[in-house]
Amino acid sequence: MTAAPKPTETDRAVELFHALSDETRLEIVRKLAKGECCVCELTDQLDAAQSRLSFHLRVLKDAGIVRDRKQGRWVYYELDREPFEEMNAIVSSLKPRALRSAKDCCA
């Protein structure tokens, strides 16, 4: 059995930004930015069905943006800082570095 190939930087960027490309997932991240929450709290705060939130939490978890822990029958979610540092680095690498004139191109 061979290991899956390591994702490229572009693959990782797509995964992270896709996970944040949904309004509900952004709202979940905003709520979790204030601290750890139980899924029942998120359900109440976002006025959303638990099944709908479970889907969105799975996308965020698969991207590594959130992590969970179980305590008894409850599941608590929190943000992981590392993916946000990755996204910051990705966005920084995309910023224009310097102005180029048209004469510099295709000369």
N, C-alpha and C. Protein backbone atom coordinates (compact mmCIF):
# COMPACT_ATOMS: atom_id res chain seq x y z
N MET A 1 0.85 -1.19 0.00
CA MET A 1 0.00 0.00 0.00
C MET A 1 0.89 1.24 0.00
N THR A 2 0.67 2.12 -0.95
CA THR A 2 1.48 3.33 -1.05
C THR A 2 0.77 4.49 -0.37
N ALA A 3 1.58 5.38 0.16
CA ALA A 3 1.03 6.56 0.83
C ALA A 3 0.48 7.54 -0.21
N ALA A 4 -0.53 8.24 0.18
CA ALA A 4 -1.10 9.27 -0.71
C ALA A 4 -0.06 10.36 -0.91
N PRO A 5 -0.01 10.93 -2.12
CA PRO A 5 0.96 12.00 -2.35
C PRO A 5 0.66 13.20 -1.46
N LYS A 6 1.72 13.85 -1.04
CA LYS A 6 1.56 15.04 -0.21
C LYS A 6 0.93 16.15 -1.06
N PRO A 7 -0.11 16.81 -0.49
CA PRO A 7 -0.75 17.88 -1.27
C PRO A 7 0.22 19.03 -1.54
N THR A 8 0.06 19.65 -2.68
CA THR A 8 0.88 20.81 -3.02
C THR A 8 0.37 22.02 -2.24
N GLU A 9 1.14 23.10 -2.30
CA GLU A 9 0.70 24.35 -1.66
C GLU A 9 -0.62 24.82 -2.25
N THR A 10 -0.76 24.67 -3.54
CA THR A 10 -2.00 25.07 -4.21
C THR A 10 -3.16 24.20 -3.75
N ASP A 11 -2.93 22.88 -3.65
CA ASP A 11 -3.97 21.98 -3.16
C ASP A 11 -4.43 22.39 -1.76
N ARG A 12 -3.46 22.70 -0.92
CA ARG A 12 -3.78 23.09 0.46
C ARG A 12 -4.55 24.41 0.48
N ALA A 13 -4.15 25.37 -0.34
CA ALA A 13 -4.86 26.65 -0.41
C ALA A 13 -6.30 26.43 -0.84
N VAL A 14 -6.51 25.60 -1.85
CA VAL A 14 -7.87 25.30 -2.32
C VAL A 14 -8.69 24.67 -1.20
N GLU A 15 -8.11 23.73 -0.49
CA GLU A 15 -8.81 23.07 0.60
C GLU A 15 -9.22 24.06 1.70
N LEU A 16 -8.29 24.90 2.11
CA LEU A 16 -8.57 25.86 3.17
C LEU A 16 -9.61 26.89 2.75
N PHE A 17 -9.41 27.48 1.57
CA PHE A 17 -10.33 28.53 1.16
C PHE A 17 -11.69 27.98 0.75
N HIS A 18 -11.73 26.76 0.26
CA HIS A 18 -13.02 26.12 0.00
C HIS A 18 -13.80 25.95 1.30
N ALA A 19 -13.10 25.53 2.34
CA ALA A 19 -13.75 25.32 3.63
C ALA A 19 -14.36 26.61 4.17
N LEU A 20 -13.78 27.75 3.80
CA LEU A 20 -14.29 29.04 4.28
C LEU A 20 -15.19 29.73 3.26
N SER A 21 -15.48 29.06 2.16
CA SER A 21 -16.23 29.72 1.08
C SER A 21 -17.74 29.65 1.25
N ASP A 22 -18.19 29.16 2.37
CA ASP A 22 -19.62 29.04 2.62
C ASP A 22 -20.02 29.95 3.78
N GLU A 23 -21.15 30.60 3.64
CA GLU A 23 -21.63 31.55 4.65
C GLU A 23 -21.80 30.88 6.02
N THR A 24 -22.38 29.70 6.04
CA THR A 24 -22.59 29.00 7.32
C THR A 24 -21.26 28.65 7.97
N ARG A 25 -20.30 28.18 7.17
CA ARG A 25 -19.00 27.83 7.74
C ARG A 25 -18.28 29.07 8.26
N LEU A 26 -18.42 30.19 7.56
CA LEU A 26 -17.83 31.43 8.07
C LEU A 26 -18.46 31.84 9.40
N GLU A 27 -19.75 31.67 9.52
CA GLU A 27 -20.43 31.99 10.78
C GLU A 27 -19.96 31.07 11.90
N ILE A 28 -19.77 29.80 11.59
CA ILE A 28 -19.25 28.85 12.59
C ILE A 28 -17.88 29.31 13.05
N VAL A 29 -17.02 29.68 12.12
CA VAL A 29 -15.67 30.13 12.46
C VAL A 29 -15.74 31.39 13.31
N ARG A 30 -16.62 32.31 12.97
CA ARG A 30 -16.77 33.55 13.78
C ARG A 30 -17.19 33.21 15.21
N LYS A 31 -18.11 32.27 15.36
CA LYS A 31 -18.54 31.88 16.71
C LYS A 31 -17.39 31.21 17.47
N LEU A 32 -16.66 30.33 16.78
CA LEU A 32 -15.57 29.62 17.44
C LEU A 32 -14.37 30.52 17.72
N ALA A 33 -14.27 31.64 17.02
CA ALA A 33 -13.18 32.58 17.28
C ALA A 33 -13.29 33.14 18.70
N LYS A 34 -14.49 33.10 19.25
CA LYS A 34 -14.72 33.59 20.62
C LYS A 34 -14.41 32.52 21.66
N GLY A 35 -14.17 31.28 21.21
CA GLY A 35 -13.84 30.20 22.14
C GLY A 35 -14.60 28.93 21.79
N GLU A 36 -14.22 27.88 22.48
CA GLU A 36 -14.80 26.56 22.26
C GLU A 36 -16.32 26.57 22.46
N CYS A 37 -17.02 25.80 21.62
CA CYS A 37 -18.48 25.69 21.72
C CYS A 37 -18.91 24.25 21.55
N CYS A 38 -19.96 23.92 22.25
CA CYS A 38 -20.63 22.63 22.06
C CYS A 38 -21.49 22.74 20.81
N VAL A 39 -21.68 21.63 20.11
CA VAL A 39 -22.48 21.66 18.89
C VAL A 39 -23.90 22.15 19.19
N CYS A 40 -24.42 21.86 20.38
CA CYS A 40 -25.77 22.34 20.71
C CYS A 40 -25.80 23.86 20.83
N GLU A 41 -24.72 24.47 21.32
CA GLU A 41 -24.64 25.93 21.38
C GLU A 41 -24.62 26.53 19.97
N LEU A 42 -23.85 25.90 19.09
CA LEU A 42 -23.78 26.38 17.71
C LEU A 42 -25.15 26.26 17.03
N THR A 43 -25.84 25.17 17.31
CA THR A 43 -27.18 24.97 16.74
C THR A 43 -28.11 26.10 17.16
N ASP A 44 -28.07 26.44 18.44
CA ASP A 44 -28.92 27.53 18.95
C ASP A 44 -28.49 28.88 18.39
N GLN A 45 -27.19 29.17 18.43
CA GLN A 45 -26.69 30.47 18.01
C GLN A 45 -26.90 30.73 16.53
N LEU A 46 -26.80 29.68 15.73
CA LEU A 46 -26.92 29.85 14.28
C LEU A 46 -28.32 29.50 13.77
N ASP A 47 -29.19 29.08 14.69
CA ASP A 47 -30.55 28.70 14.33
C ASP A 47 -30.55 27.75 13.13
N ALA A 48 -29.77 26.68 13.27
CA ALA A 48 -29.62 25.72 12.19
C ALA A 48 -29.82 24.31 12.72
N ALA A 49 -30.27 23.44 11.86
CA ALA A 49 -30.46 22.03 12.23
C ALA A 49 -29.10 21.40 12.52
N GLN A 50 -29.08 20.47 13.45
CA GLN A 50 -27.83 19.83 13.82
C GLN A 50 -27.23 19.06 12.64
N SER A 51 -28.07 18.45 11.82
CA SER A 51 -27.55 17.70 10.67
C SER A 51 -26.83 18.64 9.69
N ARG A 52 -27.39 19.83 9.50
CA ARG A 52 -26.77 20.83 8.61
C ARG A 52 -25.43 21.30 9.18
N LEU A 53 -25.42 21.56 10.49
CA LEU A 53 -24.17 21.99 11.12
C LEU A 53 -23.13 20.88 11.09
N SER A 54 -23.56 19.65 11.29
CA SER A 54 -22.62 18.52 11.27
C SER A 54 -21.89 18.44 9.93
N PHE A 55 -22.61 18.65 8.84
CA PHE A 55 -21.99 18.64 7.52
C PHE A 55 -20.93 19.72 7.44
N HIS A 56 -21.27 20.94 7.83
CA HIS A 56 -20.34 22.07 7.73
C HIS A 56 -19.16 21.90 8.69
N LEU A 57 -19.41 21.39 9.87
CA LEU A 57 -18.32 21.14 10.82
C LEU A 57 -17.37 20.08 10.27
N ARG A 58 -17.89 19.09 9.57
CA ARG A 58 -17.05 18.05 8.97
C ARG A 58 -16.12 18.66 7.91
N VAL A 59 -16.65 19.56 7.09
CA VAL A 59 -15.81 20.21 6.07
C VAL A 59 -14.69 20.99 6.76
N LEU A 60 -15.03 21.76 7.80
CA LEU A 60 -14.03 22.54 8.53
C LEU A 60 -13.02 21.63 9.23
N LYS A 61 -13.50 20.54 9.77
CA LYS A 61 -12.62 19.59 10.46
C LYS A 61 -11.69 18.90 9.46
N ASP A 62 -12.23 18.47 8.32
CA ASP A 62 -11.40 17.81 7.30
C ASP A 62 -10.29 18.73 6.79
N ALA A 63 -10.56 20.02 6.76
CA ALA A 63 -9.55 21.00 6.33
C ALA A 63 -8.57 21.33 7.46
N GLY A 64 -8.87 20.86 8.67
CA GLY A 64 -7.98 21.11 9.80
C GLY A 64 -8.23 22.44 10.48
N ILE A 65 -9.30 23.12 10.10
CA ILE A 65 -9.59 24.44 10.66
C ILE A 65 -10.17 24.33 12.06
N VAL A 66 -10.98 23.31 12.28
CA VAL A 66 -11.52 23.07 13.62
C VAL A 66 -11.11 21.69 14.09
N ARG A 67 -11.10 21.54 15.39
CA ARG A 67 -10.88 20.22 16.00
C ARG A 67 -11.98 20.02 17.03
N ASP A 68 -12.22 18.78 17.36
CA ASP A 68 -13.27 18.49 18.32
C ASP A 68 -12.74 17.64 19.46
N ARG A 69 -13.51 17.64 20.52
CA ARG A 69 -13.22 16.75 21.64
C ARG A 69 -14.56 16.32 22.22
N LYS A 70 -14.61 15.10 22.65
CA LYS A 70 -15.84 14.58 23.24
C LYS A 70 -15.72 14.60 24.75
N GLN A 71 -16.81 15.01 25.36
CA GLN A 71 -16.89 14.99 26.82
C GLN A 71 -18.26 14.43 27.16
N GLY A 72 -18.27 13.19 27.59
CA GLY A 72 -19.55 12.52 27.82
C GLY A 72 -20.28 12.38 26.51
N ARG A 73 -21.52 12.84 26.48
CA ARG A 73 -22.30 12.74 25.24
C ARG A 73 -22.22 14.00 24.38
N TRP A 74 -21.43 14.97 24.80
CA TRP A 74 -21.32 16.23 24.07
C TRP A 74 -20.03 16.29 23.27
N VAL A 75 -20.08 17.02 22.16
CA VAL A 75 -18.90 17.24 21.33
C VAL A 75 -18.65 18.74 21.31
N TYR A 76 -17.43 19.11 21.64
CA TYR A 76 -17.03 20.51 21.68
C TYR A 76 -16.06 20.79 20.53
N TYR A 77 -16.22 21.96 19.91
CA TYR A 77 -15.39 22.35 18.78
C TYR A 77 -14.61 23.60 19.13
N GLU A 78 -13.39 23.68 18.57
CA GLU A 78 -12.57 24.88 18.71
C GLU A 78 -11.74 25.05 17.45
N LEU A 79 -11.27 26.27 17.23
CA LEU A 79 -10.43 26.56 16.08
C LEU A 79 -9.00 26.11 16.35
N ASP A 80 -8.33 25.70 15.30
CA ASP A 80 -6.91 25.40 15.35
C ASP A 80 -6.20 26.62 14.74
N ARG A 81 -5.21 27.15 15.39
CA ARG A 81 -4.52 28.36 14.92
C ARG A 81 -3.68 28.12 13.66
N GLU A 82 -3.09 26.95 13.53
CA GLU A 82 -2.14 26.70 12.44
C GLU A 82 -2.72 26.95 11.04
N PRO A 83 -3.93 26.50 10.73
CA PRO A 83 -4.45 26.77 9.39
C PRO A 83 -4.60 28.27 9.09
N PHE A 84 -4.87 29.06 10.10
CA PHE A 84 -5.00 30.50 9.90
C PHE A 84 -3.64 31.12 9.60
N GLU A 85 -2.59 30.57 10.20
CA GLU A 85 -1.24 31.02 9.88
C GLU A 85 -0.89 30.61 8.44
N GLU A 86 -1.31 29.39 8.04
CA GLU A 86 -1.09 28.95 6.66
C GLU A 86 -1.80 29.88 5.68
N MET A 87 -3.07 30.21 5.98
CA MET A 87 -3.83 31.08 5.08
C MET A 87 -3.21 32.47 5.00
N ASN A 88 -2.72 32.96 6.11
CA ASN A 88 -2.06 34.27 6.12
C ASN A 88 -0.84 34.24 5.22
N ALA A 89 -0.06 33.17 5.31
CA ALA A 89 1.13 33.04 4.47
C ALA A 89 0.75 32.93 2.99
N ILE A 90 -0.32 32.20 2.71
CA ILE A 90 -0.77 32.05 1.32
C ILE A 90 -1.18 33.41 0.76
N VAL A 91 -2.00 34.14 1.52
CA VAL A 91 -2.47 35.45 1.05
C VAL A 91 -1.29 36.40 0.89
N SER A 92 -0.37 36.37 1.84
CA SER A 92 0.81 37.24 1.74
C SER A 92 1.63 36.94 0.49
N SER A 93 1.71 35.66 0.13
CA SER A 93 2.49 35.30 -1.06
C SER A 93 1.81 35.73 -2.35
N LEU A 94 0.53 36.05 -2.29
CA LEU A 94 -0.21 36.46 -3.48
C LEU A 94 -0.24 37.97 -3.68
N LYS A 95 0.20 38.72 -2.68
CA LYS A 95 0.19 40.17 -2.78
C LYS A 95 1.16 40.62 -3.86
N PRO A 96 0.79 41.66 -4.61
CA PRO A 96 1.73 42.20 -5.60
C PRO A 96 2.99 42.69 -4.89
N ARG A 97 4.12 42.39 -5.47
CA ARG A 97 5.40 42.75 -4.85
C ARG A 97 5.89 44.12 -5.32
N ALA A 98 5.83 44.36 -6.59
CA ALA A 98 6.34 45.62 -7.15
C ALA A 98 5.59 45.90 -8.44
N LEU A 99 5.59 47.14 -8.79
CA LEU A 99 4.96 47.53 -10.05
C LEU A 99 5.92 47.24 -11.19
N ARG A 100 5.38 46.68 -12.24
CA ARG A 100 6.17 46.44 -13.45
C ARG A 100 5.57 47.24 -14.57
N SER A 101 6.42 47.75 -15.40
CA SER A 101 5.90 48.47 -16.55
C SER A 101 5.69 47.48 -17.70
N ALA A 102 4.88 47.85 -18.64
CA ALA A 102 4.60 47.00 -19.80
C ALA A 102 5.86 46.71 -20.58
N LYS A 103 6.82 47.61 -20.56
CA LYS A 103 8.04 47.39 -21.34
C LYS A 103 8.90 46.28 -20.75
N ASP A 104 8.66 45.89 -19.47
CA ASP A 104 9.40 44.81 -18.85
C ASP A 104 8.91 43.44 -19.30
N CYS A 105 7.74 43.40 -19.88
CA CYS A 105 7.13 42.13 -20.24
C CYS A 105 7.40 41.81 -21.71
N CYS A 106 7.69 40.56 -21.98
CA CYS A 106 7.82 40.05 -23.35
C CYS A 106 8.86 40.81 -24.18
N ALA A 107 9.86 41.29 -23.55
CA ALA A 107 10.88 42.07 -24.27
C ALA A 107 11.89 41.16 -24.92
